[in-house]
Amino acid sequence: MRLPAKICGLSTPEGVEAAVARGAGFLGFNFYSPSPRFVEPEAAARLAAPARAAGVRICAITVDADNGLVDRIARILDPDFIQLHGAEPPSRGAEVAARTGAGVIRALPVGEPADLAVALDWSEVAEHLLLDARPPEGATLTGGLGVPFDWTLTQDFRPPRPWFLAGGLDPWNVAEALDRSGAPMVDVSSGVERGPGLKDPSLISAFLDAVRRARP
């Protein structure tokens, strides 16, 4: 059975192979060009092929993408989900879903309890939510910063959609994060890297093994 875990920002066959072999349920490919994890749709399609054959769900990570990019991703990669990680309103999420036929994952920044209320605005649009740490002032990226938020904020969080916990997770803290947050699923990017954008297969394996022990 595939684990309730997403390995995000993959860009090499070795990283994909480790994620698939250790049971990741979701893989994410990043189409935000300022990110060190950016890949072109053609490269993502090649990387995703063996994972898709193994039953892994494929996610396309975007940040305020225009219709041209969204359509190109849909045509070339044909993802199961398109993740919106920018300032997109629910109306844009509905438009992306209609244009592509893909499910929507909405990433929401969290820094305080009031931030969780926004999740209700997406209950009719997103198939999944993803709660990430609010970027610090002046940050140029919306995610993948390796920064956690207070996991106890979500202990009583019961949105109408399944959700991922993201932000600052790694092989050494993911079990605690699952326990303290009550999250049903987890997402990791920088926590399994040996440098910005450089996924380490051994860290991917260790992360997924830790999730498996925490969620047998």
N, C-alpha and C. Protein backbone atom coordinates (compact mmCIF):
# COMPACT_ATOMS: atom_id res chain seq x y z
N MET A 1 0.84 -1.19 0.00
CA MET A 1 0.00 0.00 0.00
C MET A 1 0.88 1.25 0.00
N ARG A 2 0.53 2.23 -0.80
CA ARG A 2 1.28 3.48 -0.88
C ARG A 2 1.08 4.32 0.38
N LEU A 3 2.14 5.00 0.80
CA LEU A 3 2.10 5.78 2.02
C LEU A 3 1.42 7.13 1.80
N PRO A 4 0.83 7.71 2.84
CA PRO A 4 0.20 9.03 2.73
C PRO A 4 1.26 10.13 2.81
N ALA A 5 2.19 10.10 1.85
CA ALA A 5 3.32 11.02 1.87
C ALA A 5 3.64 11.47 0.45
N LYS A 6 3.99 12.76 0.32
CA LYS A 6 4.36 13.34 -0.97
C LYS A 6 5.80 13.81 -0.92
N ILE A 7 6.59 13.34 -1.87
CA ILE A 7 7.96 13.83 -2.05
C ILE A 7 7.89 14.89 -3.14
N CYS A 8 8.25 16.11 -2.78
CA CYS A 8 8.01 17.24 -3.67
C CYS A 8 9.32 17.80 -4.22
N GLY A 9 9.25 18.35 -5.43
CA GLY A 9 10.42 18.99 -6.01
C GLY A 9 11.44 18.03 -6.56
N LEU A 10 10.99 16.91 -7.09
CA LEU A 10 11.91 15.92 -7.65
C LEU A 10 12.40 16.37 -9.03
N SER A 11 13.66 16.00 -9.32
CA SER A 11 14.22 16.42 -10.61
C SER A 11 15.19 15.41 -11.20
N THR A 12 15.38 14.26 -10.54
CA THR A 12 16.31 13.25 -11.05
C THR A 12 15.66 11.86 -11.01
N PRO A 13 16.10 10.96 -11.90
CA PRO A 13 15.58 9.59 -11.86
C PRO A 13 15.89 8.90 -10.54
N GLU A 14 17.05 9.20 -9.95
CA GLU A 14 17.43 8.56 -8.69
C GLU A 14 16.46 8.93 -7.56
N GLY A 15 16.08 10.20 -7.51
CA GLY A 15 15.13 10.62 -6.50
C GLY A 15 13.77 9.97 -6.68
N VAL A 16 13.31 9.93 -7.91
CA VAL A 16 12.03 9.28 -8.20
C VAL A 16 12.09 7.80 -7.84
N GLU A 17 13.16 7.14 -8.22
CA GLU A 17 13.29 5.71 -7.93
C GLU A 17 13.22 5.44 -6.44
N ALA A 18 13.91 6.25 -5.63
CA ALA A 18 13.89 6.05 -4.18
C ALA A 18 12.49 6.27 -3.62
N ALA A 19 11.81 7.30 -4.10
CA ALA A 19 10.47 7.59 -3.61
C ALA A 19 9.49 6.47 -3.95
N VAL A 20 9.57 5.97 -5.17
CA VAL A 20 8.67 4.90 -5.59
C VAL A 20 8.99 3.61 -4.84
N ALA A 21 10.27 3.29 -4.72
CA ALA A 21 10.67 2.04 -4.08
C ALA A 21 10.27 1.98 -2.62
N ARG A 22 10.28 3.13 -1.93
CA ARG A 22 9.96 3.16 -0.51
C ARG A 22 8.49 3.46 -0.22
N GLY A 23 7.69 3.58 -1.28
CA GLY A 23 6.25 3.59 -1.07
C GLY A 23 5.56 4.93 -1.04
N ALA A 24 6.19 6.01 -1.54
CA ALA A 24 5.52 7.30 -1.57
C ALA A 24 4.22 7.21 -2.35
N GLY A 25 3.18 7.85 -1.84
CA GLY A 25 1.90 7.84 -2.54
C GLY A 25 1.76 8.94 -3.57
N PHE A 26 2.57 10.01 -3.41
CA PHE A 26 2.48 11.17 -4.29
C PHE A 26 3.89 11.67 -4.61
N LEU A 27 4.10 12.12 -5.84
CA LEU A 27 5.32 12.79 -6.23
C LEU A 27 4.95 14.17 -6.77
N GLY A 28 5.78 15.18 -6.44
CA GLY A 28 5.53 16.52 -6.91
C GLY A 28 6.66 17.04 -7.78
N PHE A 29 6.29 17.69 -8.88
CA PHE A 29 7.25 18.31 -9.79
C PHE A 29 6.96 19.80 -9.83
N ASN A 30 8.03 20.59 -9.71
CA ASN A 30 7.91 22.03 -9.50
C ASN A 30 8.05 22.81 -10.81
N PHE A 31 7.05 23.61 -11.12
CA PHE A 31 7.05 24.40 -12.36
C PHE A 31 7.12 25.90 -12.10
N TYR A 32 7.68 26.27 -10.95
CA TYR A 32 7.89 27.67 -10.61
C TYR A 32 9.35 28.00 -10.90
N SER A 33 9.60 28.79 -11.94
CA SER A 33 10.96 28.95 -12.46
C SER A 33 11.97 29.52 -11.46
N PRO A 34 11.61 30.39 -10.50
CA PRO A 34 12.63 30.85 -9.54
C PRO A 34 13.11 29.77 -8.56
N SER A 35 12.40 28.67 -8.48
CA SER A 35 12.75 27.64 -7.51
C SER A 35 13.95 26.82 -7.97
N PRO A 36 14.83 26.42 -7.04
CA PRO A 36 15.94 25.52 -7.41
C PRO A 36 15.46 24.14 -7.79
N ARG A 37 14.18 23.86 -7.62
CA ARG A 37 13.61 22.55 -7.94
C ARG A 37 12.84 22.57 -9.26
N PHE A 38 12.93 23.66 -9.99
CA PHE A 38 12.20 23.82 -11.23
C PHE A 38 12.59 22.78 -12.27
N VAL A 39 11.58 22.22 -12.94
CA VAL A 39 11.80 21.35 -14.09
C VAL A 39 10.84 21.75 -15.20
N GLU A 40 11.21 21.47 -16.43
CA GLU A 40 10.31 21.68 -17.56
C GLU A 40 9.28 20.54 -17.61
N PRO A 41 8.11 20.80 -18.16
CA PRO A 41 7.10 19.74 -18.24
C PRO A 41 7.58 18.49 -18.96
N GLU A 42 8.38 18.64 -19.99
CA GLU A 42 8.87 17.46 -20.72
C GLU A 42 9.73 16.58 -19.82
N ALA A 43 10.60 17.22 -19.02
CA ALA A 43 11.45 16.45 -18.10
C ALA A 43 10.60 15.78 -17.03
N ALA A 44 9.61 16.51 -16.52
CA ALA A 44 8.74 15.93 -15.51
C ALA A 44 7.99 14.71 -16.04
N ALA A 45 7.54 14.80 -17.28
CA ALA A 45 6.81 13.67 -17.87
C ALA A 45 7.68 12.43 -17.95
N ARG A 46 8.95 12.61 -18.33
CA ARG A 46 9.87 11.47 -18.38
C ARG A 46 10.10 10.89 -16.99
N LEU A 47 10.29 11.76 -16.02
CA LEU A 47 10.55 11.30 -14.66
C LEU A 47 9.32 10.62 -14.06
N ALA A 48 8.14 11.12 -14.39
CA ALA A 48 6.91 10.61 -13.77
C ALA A 48 6.47 9.27 -14.32
N ALA A 49 6.90 8.92 -15.52
CA ALA A 49 6.37 7.72 -16.18
C ALA A 49 6.48 6.46 -15.33
N PRO A 50 7.67 6.11 -14.77
CA PRO A 50 7.74 4.88 -13.99
C PRO A 50 6.96 4.97 -12.69
N ALA A 51 6.85 6.17 -12.12
CA ALA A 51 6.07 6.32 -10.90
C ALA A 51 4.59 6.12 -11.16
N ARG A 52 4.11 6.70 -12.25
CA ARG A 52 2.69 6.54 -12.61
C ARG A 52 2.37 5.07 -12.84
N ALA A 53 3.28 4.34 -13.49
CA ALA A 53 3.07 2.92 -13.74
C ALA A 53 2.98 2.12 -12.45
N ALA A 54 3.61 2.65 -11.38
CA ALA A 54 3.59 1.97 -10.09
C ALA A 54 2.42 2.41 -9.21
N GLY A 55 1.55 3.25 -9.74
CA GLY A 55 0.37 3.66 -8.99
C GLY A 55 0.55 4.89 -8.14
N VAL A 56 1.64 5.64 -8.34
CA VAL A 56 1.88 6.86 -7.58
C VAL A 56 1.12 8.01 -8.23
N ARG A 57 0.53 8.88 -7.43
CA ARG A 57 -0.19 10.04 -7.93
C ARG A 57 0.80 11.15 -8.25
N ILE A 58 0.61 11.81 -9.37
CA ILE A 58 1.54 12.81 -9.86
C ILE A 58 0.95 14.21 -9.65
N CYS A 59 1.76 15.10 -9.05
CA CYS A 59 1.33 16.45 -8.71
C CYS A 59 2.21 17.47 -9.42
N ALA A 60 1.58 18.51 -9.94
CA ALA A 60 2.29 19.62 -10.57
C ALA A 60 2.20 20.83 -9.67
N ILE A 61 3.35 21.33 -9.21
CA ILE A 61 3.38 22.46 -8.28
C ILE A 61 3.51 23.76 -9.09
N THR A 62 2.57 24.68 -8.90
CA THR A 62 2.56 25.94 -9.62
C THR A 62 2.39 27.09 -8.64
N VAL A 63 2.82 28.27 -9.08
CA VAL A 63 2.66 29.49 -8.29
C VAL A 63 2.11 30.57 -9.20
N ASP A 64 0.83 30.87 -9.06
CA ASP A 64 0.18 31.90 -9.88
C ASP A 64 0.45 31.70 -11.37
N ALA A 65 0.38 30.47 -11.83
CA ALA A 65 0.65 30.14 -13.23
C ALA A 65 -0.45 30.68 -14.13
N ASP A 66 -0.06 31.14 -15.31
CA ASP A 66 -1.05 31.61 -16.28
C ASP A 66 -1.63 30.43 -17.05
N ASN A 67 -2.64 30.71 -17.85
CA ASN A 67 -3.31 29.62 -18.57
C ASN A 67 -2.37 28.89 -19.52
N GLY A 68 -1.43 29.62 -20.12
CA GLY A 68 -0.51 28.97 -21.04
C GLY A 68 0.31 27.89 -20.37
N LEU A 69 0.83 28.20 -19.18
CA LEU A 69 1.63 27.20 -18.46
C LEU A 69 0.74 26.07 -17.96
N VAL A 70 -0.40 26.41 -17.41
CA VAL A 70 -1.31 25.37 -16.90
C VAL A 70 -1.70 24.40 -18.02
N ASP A 71 -2.03 24.94 -19.19
CA ASP A 71 -2.42 24.08 -20.31
C ASP A 71 -1.25 23.22 -20.77
N ARG A 72 -0.06 23.79 -20.77
CA ARG A 72 1.12 23.03 -21.21
C ARG A 72 1.41 21.88 -20.24
N ILE A 73 1.33 22.16 -18.95
CA ILE A 73 1.54 21.11 -17.96
C ILE A 73 0.51 20.00 -18.13
N ALA A 74 -0.74 20.39 -18.31
CA ALA A 74 -1.80 19.40 -18.45
C ALA A 74 -1.60 18.54 -19.69
N ARG A 75 -1.18 19.17 -20.79
CA ARG A 75 -1.01 18.44 -22.05
C ARG A 75 0.19 17.49 -21.99
N ILE A 76 1.28 17.93 -21.42
CA ILE A 76 2.52 17.16 -21.47
C ILE A 76 2.64 16.18 -20.31
N LEU A 77 2.31 16.63 -19.11
CA LEU A 77 2.47 15.77 -17.92
C LEU A 77 1.20 15.01 -17.59
N ASP A 78 0.03 15.59 -17.83
CA ASP A 78 -1.26 14.99 -17.47
C ASP A 78 -1.27 14.59 -15.99
N PRO A 79 -1.07 15.58 -15.09
CA PRO A 79 -0.96 15.24 -13.67
C PRO A 79 -2.30 14.85 -13.06
N ASP A 80 -2.22 14.11 -11.97
CA ASP A 80 -3.43 13.81 -11.21
C ASP A 80 -3.91 15.04 -10.47
N PHE A 81 -2.96 15.86 -10.00
CA PHE A 81 -3.29 17.05 -9.24
C PHE A 81 -2.43 18.22 -9.71
N ILE A 82 -3.01 19.41 -9.66
CA ILE A 82 -2.24 20.64 -9.81
C ILE A 82 -2.29 21.37 -8.48
N GLN A 83 -1.12 21.62 -7.93
CA GLN A 83 -1.02 22.29 -6.63
C GLN A 83 -0.85 23.78 -6.85
N LEU A 84 -1.70 24.55 -6.21
CA LEU A 84 -1.66 26.00 -6.29
C LEU A 84 -0.97 26.54 -5.05
N HIS A 85 0.17 27.19 -5.26
CA HIS A 85 1.01 27.61 -4.13
C HIS A 85 1.25 29.11 -4.11
N GLY A 86 0.37 29.87 -4.80
CA GLY A 86 0.53 31.31 -4.84
C GLY A 86 -0.62 32.02 -4.17
N ALA A 87 -1.08 33.09 -4.78
CA ALA A 87 -2.18 33.89 -4.22
C ALA A 87 -3.50 33.60 -4.91
N GLU A 88 -3.62 32.44 -5.53
CA GLU A 88 -4.81 32.11 -6.30
C GLU A 88 -6.06 32.07 -5.40
N PRO A 89 -7.17 32.71 -5.83
CA PRO A 89 -8.43 32.59 -5.10
C PRO A 89 -9.15 31.30 -5.49
N PRO A 90 -10.18 30.92 -4.75
CA PRO A 90 -10.93 29.72 -5.10
C PRO A 90 -11.47 29.72 -6.53
N SER A 91 -11.84 30.88 -7.04
CA SER A 91 -12.35 30.93 -8.40
C SER A 91 -11.29 30.48 -9.41
N ARG A 92 -10.02 30.82 -9.14
CA ARG A 92 -8.95 30.37 -10.03
C ARG A 92 -8.75 28.86 -9.89
N GLY A 93 -8.88 28.35 -8.69
CA GLY A 93 -8.78 26.91 -8.51
C GLY A 93 -9.82 26.16 -9.30
N ALA A 94 -11.05 26.67 -9.29
CA ALA A 94 -12.13 26.04 -10.07
C ALA A 94 -11.83 26.11 -11.55
N GLU A 95 -11.26 27.23 -12.00
CA GLU A 95 -10.92 27.38 -13.42
C GLU A 95 -9.83 26.41 -13.83
N VAL A 96 -8.79 26.26 -12.98
CA VAL A 96 -7.71 25.33 -13.28
C VAL A 96 -8.24 23.90 -13.36
N ALA A 97 -9.10 23.53 -12.43
CA ALA A 97 -9.67 22.18 -12.46
C ALA A 97 -10.47 21.95 -13.73
N ALA A 98 -11.26 22.95 -14.14
CA ALA A 98 -12.08 22.80 -15.34
C ALA A 98 -11.23 22.74 -16.60
N ARG A 99 -10.15 23.52 -16.65
CA ARG A 99 -9.30 23.54 -17.84
C ARG A 99 -8.53 22.24 -18.01
N THR A 100 -8.12 21.63 -16.91
CA THR A 100 -7.18 20.52 -16.98
C THR A 100 -7.78 19.15 -16.69
N GLY A 101 -8.88 19.11 -15.97
CA GLY A 101 -9.43 17.83 -15.55
C GLY A 101 -8.69 17.23 -14.38
N ALA A 102 -7.70 17.94 -13.86
CA ALA A 102 -6.92 17.46 -12.71
C ALA A 102 -7.56 17.93 -11.41
N GLY A 103 -7.30 17.19 -10.35
CA GLY A 103 -7.70 17.66 -9.03
C GLY A 103 -6.82 18.82 -8.60
N VAL A 104 -7.31 19.59 -7.64
CA VAL A 104 -6.56 20.73 -7.13
C VAL A 104 -6.11 20.44 -5.70
N ILE A 105 -4.82 20.73 -5.45
CA ILE A 105 -4.29 20.77 -4.10
C ILE A 105 -4.03 22.24 -3.78
N ARG A 106 -4.62 22.76 -2.75
CA ARG A 106 -4.39 24.16 -2.38
C ARG A 106 -3.44 24.26 -1.21
N ALA A 107 -2.29 24.88 -1.44
CA ALA A 107 -1.31 25.13 -0.38
C ALA A 107 -1.69 26.42 0.34
N LEU A 108 -1.74 26.35 1.65
CA LEU A 108 -2.12 27.51 2.46
C LEU A 108 -1.04 27.80 3.49
N PRO A 109 -0.62 29.05 3.61
CA PRO A 109 0.40 29.40 4.60
C PRO A 109 -0.21 29.50 5.99
N VAL A 110 0.49 28.96 6.97
CA VAL A 110 -0.02 28.94 8.35
C VAL A 110 1.02 29.53 9.29
N GLY A 111 0.58 30.47 10.11
CA GLY A 111 1.44 31.02 11.14
C GLY A 111 0.71 31.23 12.45
N GLU A 112 -0.62 31.23 12.36
CA GLU A 112 -1.46 31.45 13.55
C GLU A 112 -2.80 30.78 13.31
N PRO A 113 -3.60 30.58 14.40
CA PRO A 113 -4.87 29.85 14.25
C PRO A 113 -5.80 30.45 13.21
N ALA A 114 -5.81 31.77 13.07
CA ALA A 114 -6.73 32.39 12.12
C ALA A 114 -6.47 31.96 10.69
N ASP A 115 -5.25 31.54 10.39
CA ASP A 115 -4.92 31.14 9.02
C ASP A 115 -5.70 29.89 8.59
N LEU A 116 -6.11 29.08 9.54
CA LEU A 116 -6.80 27.84 9.21
C LEU A 116 -8.21 28.07 8.68
N ALA A 117 -8.77 29.24 9.01
CA ALA A 117 -10.14 29.51 8.57
C ALA A 117 -10.24 29.61 7.06
N VAL A 118 -9.15 29.96 6.39
CA VAL A 118 -9.17 30.10 4.93
C VAL A 118 -9.47 28.76 4.27
N ALA A 119 -9.14 27.68 4.95
CA ALA A 119 -9.37 26.35 4.36
C ALA A 119 -10.82 26.14 3.98
N LEU A 120 -11.74 26.72 4.71
CA LEU A 120 -13.16 26.52 4.42
C LEU A 120 -13.54 27.12 3.08
N ASP A 121 -12.83 28.16 2.65
CA ASP A 121 -13.13 28.78 1.36
C ASP A 121 -12.85 27.83 0.19
N TRP A 122 -12.03 26.81 0.45
CA TRP A 122 -11.61 25.89 -0.60
C TRP A 122 -12.32 24.53 -0.55
N SER A 123 -13.28 24.41 0.35
CA SER A 123 -13.89 23.09 0.56
C SER A 123 -14.65 22.57 -0.65
N GLU A 124 -15.11 23.47 -1.53
CA GLU A 124 -15.85 23.04 -2.72
C GLU A 124 -14.97 22.94 -3.97
N VAL A 125 -13.70 23.33 -3.84
CA VAL A 125 -12.82 23.41 -5.01
C VAL A 125 -11.67 22.41 -4.94
N ALA A 126 -10.98 22.38 -3.82
CA ALA A 126 -9.77 21.56 -3.70
C ALA A 126 -10.10 20.14 -3.26
N GLU A 127 -9.41 19.18 -3.85
CA GLU A 127 -9.53 17.80 -3.38
C GLU A 127 -8.69 17.57 -2.14
N HIS A 128 -7.57 18.28 -2.06
CA HIS A 128 -6.70 18.21 -0.88
C HIS A 128 -6.24 19.61 -0.52
N LEU A 129 -5.96 19.81 0.76
CA LEU A 129 -5.30 21.01 1.23
C LEU A 129 -3.88 20.66 1.63
N LEU A 130 -3.02 21.66 1.64
CA LEU A 130 -1.64 21.47 2.09
C LEU A 130 -1.30 22.66 2.97
N LEU A 131 -1.01 22.40 4.24
CA LEU A 131 -0.69 23.46 5.19
C LEU A 131 0.81 23.58 5.31
N ASP A 132 1.32 24.73 4.94
CA ASP A 132 2.76 24.99 4.93
C ASP A 132 3.05 26.17 5.85
N ALA A 133 4.30 26.29 6.28
CA ALA A 133 4.68 27.41 7.13
C ALA A 133 4.62 28.71 6.34
N ARG A 134 4.09 29.75 6.98
CA ARG A 134 4.06 31.06 6.32
C ARG A 134 5.48 31.53 6.06
N PRO A 135 5.81 31.91 4.82
CA PRO A 135 7.18 32.35 4.53
C PRO A 135 7.55 33.59 5.35
N PRO A 136 8.81 33.68 5.76
CA PRO A 136 9.24 34.87 6.50
C PRO A 136 9.20 36.12 5.62
N GLU A 137 9.17 37.26 6.25
CA GLU A 137 9.15 38.53 5.53
C GLU A 137 10.31 38.62 4.55
N GLY A 138 10.01 38.96 3.31
CA GLY A 138 11.05 39.13 2.31
C GLY A 138 11.43 37.87 1.56
N ALA A 139 10.81 36.73 1.88
CA ALA A 139 11.13 35.48 1.19
C ALA A 139 10.70 35.56 -0.27
N THR A 140 11.51 34.99 -1.15
CA THR A 140 11.20 35.01 -2.58
C THR A 140 10.48 33.75 -3.03
N LEU A 141 10.44 32.73 -2.19
CA LEU A 141 9.74 31.49 -2.52
C LEU A 141 8.57 31.30 -1.58
N THR A 142 7.53 30.61 -2.05
CA THR A 142 6.35 30.40 -1.23
C THR A 142 6.39 29.09 -0.46
N GLY A 143 7.36 28.23 -0.76
CA GLY A 143 7.48 26.96 -0.06
C GLY A 143 8.87 26.40 -0.26
N GLY A 144 9.11 25.21 0.33
CA GLY A 144 10.42 24.59 0.21
C GLY A 144 11.50 25.30 0.99
N LEU A 145 11.10 26.00 2.06
CA LEU A 145 12.05 26.81 2.83
C LEU A 145 12.61 26.08 4.04
N GLY A 146 12.09 24.90 4.34
CA GLY A 146 12.62 24.13 5.47
C GLY A 146 12.24 24.70 6.82
N VAL A 147 11.13 25.43 6.88
CA VAL A 147 10.72 26.10 8.12
C VAL A 147 9.40 25.48 8.59
N PRO A 148 9.32 24.99 9.85
CA PRO A 148 8.06 24.45 10.35
C PRO A 148 7.19 25.54 10.98
N PHE A 149 5.93 25.23 11.17
CA PHE A 149 5.09 26.07 12.01
C PHE A 149 4.70 25.26 13.25
N ASP A 150 3.98 25.87 14.15
CA ASP A 150 3.59 25.20 15.39
C ASP A 150 2.59 24.08 15.06
N TRP A 151 3.06 22.85 15.15
CA TRP A 151 2.23 21.71 14.75
C TRP A 151 0.98 21.56 15.60
N THR A 152 1.00 22.06 16.82
CA THR A 152 -0.17 21.90 17.69
C THR A 152 -1.36 22.74 17.22
N LEU A 153 -1.12 23.69 16.32
CA LEU A 153 -2.22 24.52 15.80
C LEU A 153 -3.28 23.68 15.10
N THR A 154 -2.88 22.54 14.55
CA THR A 154 -3.81 21.75 13.74
C THR A 154 -4.37 20.54 14.48
N GLN A 155 -4.13 20.43 15.76
CA GLN A 155 -4.60 19.25 16.48
C GLN A 155 -6.11 19.05 16.38
N ASP A 156 -6.86 20.15 16.31
CA ASP A 156 -8.32 20.06 16.22
C ASP A 156 -8.83 20.49 14.84
N PHE A 157 -7.94 20.49 13.88
CA PHE A 157 -8.29 20.91 12.53
C PHE A 157 -8.99 19.77 11.82
N ARG A 158 -10.24 19.99 11.45
CA ARG A 158 -11.04 18.95 10.80
C ARG A 158 -11.70 19.53 9.55
N PRO A 159 -10.91 19.82 8.51
CA PRO A 159 -11.49 20.38 7.30
C PRO A 159 -12.29 19.32 6.53
N PRO A 160 -13.12 19.75 5.60
CA PRO A 160 -13.91 18.78 4.83
C PRO A 160 -13.10 18.05 3.78
N ARG A 161 -11.84 18.40 3.61
CA ARG A 161 -10.98 17.74 2.63
C ARG A 161 -9.74 17.16 3.32
N PRO A 162 -9.18 16.06 2.80
CA PRO A 162 -7.92 15.54 3.36
C PRO A 162 -6.81 16.58 3.20
N TRP A 163 -5.83 16.54 4.11
CA TRP A 163 -4.79 17.56 4.04
C TRP A 163 -3.40 17.01 4.34
N PHE A 164 -2.43 17.70 3.74
CA PHE A 164 -1.02 17.41 3.95
C PHE A 164 -0.44 18.42 4.95
N LEU A 165 0.45 17.95 5.81
CA LEU A 165 1.28 18.82 6.63
C LEU A 165 2.61 19.00 5.91
N ALA A 166 3.05 20.25 5.76
CA ALA A 166 4.33 20.55 5.11
C ALA A 166 5.07 21.60 5.94
N GLY A 167 6.32 21.82 5.57
CA GLY A 167 7.10 22.87 6.22
C GLY A 167 8.07 22.32 7.26
N GLY A 168 9.34 22.23 6.89
CA GLY A 168 10.36 21.87 7.85
C GLY A 168 10.39 20.41 8.27
N LEU A 169 9.73 19.54 7.54
CA LEU A 169 9.74 18.11 7.90
C LEU A 169 11.01 17.46 7.38
N ASP A 170 11.46 16.43 8.10
CA ASP A 170 12.64 15.66 7.69
C ASP A 170 12.54 14.27 8.30
N PRO A 171 13.49 13.38 8.01
CA PRO A 171 13.37 12.01 8.54
C PRO A 171 13.38 11.93 10.06
N TRP A 172 13.91 12.93 10.74
CA TRP A 172 14.08 12.88 12.18
C TRP A 172 12.91 13.48 12.95
N ASN A 173 12.09 14.29 12.30
CA ASN A 173 10.99 14.91 13.04
C ASN A 173 9.60 14.55 12.52
N VAL A 174 9.52 13.80 11.43
CA VAL A 174 8.21 13.58 10.82
C VAL A 174 7.29 12.77 11.73
N ALA A 175 7.82 11.82 12.49
CA ALA A 175 6.96 11.05 13.38
C ALA A 175 6.36 11.95 14.46
N GLU A 176 7.19 12.82 15.04
CA GLU A 176 6.68 13.77 16.03
C GLU A 176 5.67 14.72 15.41
N ALA A 177 5.95 15.17 14.19
CA ALA A 177 5.04 16.09 13.51
C ALA A 177 3.67 15.44 13.29
N LEU A 178 3.65 14.20 12.87
CA LEU A 178 2.39 13.49 12.66
C LEU A 178 1.63 13.37 13.98
N ASP A 179 2.34 13.06 15.04
CA ASP A 179 1.71 12.87 16.34
C ASP A 179 1.13 14.18 16.88
N ARG A 180 1.90 15.25 16.79
CA ARG A 180 1.49 16.52 17.39
C ARG A 180 0.48 17.28 16.55
N SER A 181 0.51 17.08 15.24
CA SER A 181 -0.38 17.85 14.36
C SER A 181 -1.70 17.15 14.08
N GLY A 182 -1.71 15.82 14.16
CA GLY A 182 -2.89 15.07 13.75
C GLY A 182 -3.06 14.98 12.26
N ALA A 183 -2.02 15.30 11.49
CA ALA A 183 -2.11 15.32 10.03
C ALA A 183 -2.33 13.92 9.47
N PRO A 184 -3.21 13.78 8.48
CA PRO A 184 -3.38 12.48 7.84
C PRO A 184 -2.32 12.19 6.78
N MET A 185 -1.66 13.25 6.26
CA MET A 185 -0.67 13.09 5.20
C MET A 185 0.44 14.11 5.41
N VAL A 186 1.61 13.82 4.82
CA VAL A 186 2.75 14.72 4.96
C VAL A 186 3.39 14.98 3.60
N ASP A 187 4.08 16.12 3.51
CA ASP A 187 4.75 16.56 2.29
C ASP A 187 6.15 17.04 2.67
N VAL A 188 7.15 16.63 1.91
CA VAL A 188 8.52 17.04 2.20
C VAL A 188 9.22 17.46 0.91
N SER A 189 10.11 18.43 1.02
CA SER A 189 10.93 18.85 -0.11
C SER A 189 12.37 19.06 0.36
N SER A 190 12.64 20.22 0.98
CA SER A 190 14.03 20.51 1.37
C SER A 190 14.54 19.57 2.45
N GLY A 191 13.67 18.95 3.22
CA GLY A 191 14.10 18.05 4.30
C GLY A 191 14.70 16.76 3.83
N VAL A 192 14.66 16.49 2.52
CA VAL A 192 15.31 15.28 1.98
C VAL A 192 16.33 15.68 0.91
N GLU A 193 16.95 16.85 1.10
CA GLU A 193 17.95 17.35 0.16
C GLU A 193 19.32 17.49 0.83
N ARG A 194 20.36 17.32 0.03
CA ARG A 194 21.72 17.57 0.50
C ARG A 194 22.20 18.97 0.11
N GLY A 195 21.39 19.68 -0.61
CA GLY A 195 21.64 21.06 -1.03
C GLY A 195 20.39 21.55 -1.72
N PRO A 196 20.26 22.86 -1.96
CA PRO A 196 19.04 23.38 -2.58
C PRO A 196 18.70 22.69 -3.90
N GLY A 197 17.57 21.99 -3.90
CA GLY A 197 17.11 21.31 -5.11
C GLY A 197 17.75 19.97 -5.39
N LEU A 198 18.67 19.53 -4.53
CA LEU A 198 19.41 18.28 -4.77
C LEU A 198 18.87 17.19 -3.84
N LYS A 199 17.91 16.44 -4.34
CA LYS A 199 17.33 15.38 -3.54
C LYS A 199 18.34 14.27 -3.27
N ASP A 200 18.35 13.78 -2.03
CA ASP A 200 19.24 12.70 -1.61
C ASP A 200 18.41 11.42 -1.49
N PRO A 201 18.64 10.42 -2.34
CA PRO A 201 17.83 9.20 -2.27
C PRO A 201 17.83 8.55 -0.90
N SER A 202 18.96 8.61 -0.19
CA SER A 202 19.00 7.97 1.13
C SER A 202 18.11 8.71 2.13
N LEU A 203 18.02 10.03 2.01
CA LEU A 203 17.13 10.80 2.89
C LEU A 203 15.67 10.58 2.53
N ILE A 204 15.38 10.46 1.24
CA ILE A 204 14.02 10.12 0.82
C ILE A 204 13.60 8.79 1.43
N SER A 205 14.48 7.80 1.33
CA SER A 205 14.17 6.48 1.88
C SER A 205 13.96 6.56 3.38
N ALA A 206 14.84 7.30 4.08
CA ALA A 206 14.73 7.42 5.53
C ALA A 206 13.44 8.12 5.94
N PHE A 207 13.07 9.14 5.18
CA PHE A 207 11.83 9.86 5.49
C PHE A 207 10.62 8.93 5.35
N LEU A 208 10.54 8.21 4.26
CA LEU A 208 9.39 7.34 4.03
C LEU A 208 9.38 6.16 5.02
N ASP A 209 10.54 5.67 5.39
CA ASP A 209 10.59 4.62 6.42
C ASP A 209 10.05 5.15 7.75
N ALA A 210 10.38 6.42 8.07
CA ALA A 210 9.88 7.02 9.31
C ALA A 210 8.37 7.19 9.28
N VAL A 211 7.83 7.58 8.11
CA VAL A 211 6.37 7.69 7.97
C VAL A 211 5.72 6.33 8.14
N ARG A 212 6.32 5.31 7.56
CA ARG A 212 5.76 3.96 7.66
C ARG A 212 5.72 3.49 9.12
N ARG A 213 6.76 3.78 9.86
CA ARG A 213 6.77 3.38 11.28
C ARG A 213 5.73 4.15 12.07
N ALA A 214 5.53 5.41 11.71
CA ALA A 214 4.56 6.23 12.43
C ALA A 214 3.12 5.93 12.02
N ARG A 215 2.93 5.46 10.79
CA ARG A 215 1.61 5.14 10.25
C ARG A 215 1.61 3.72 9.69
N PRO A 216 1.74 2.73 10.58
CA PRO A 216 1.81 1.33 10.11
C PRO A 216 0.51 0.90 9.44
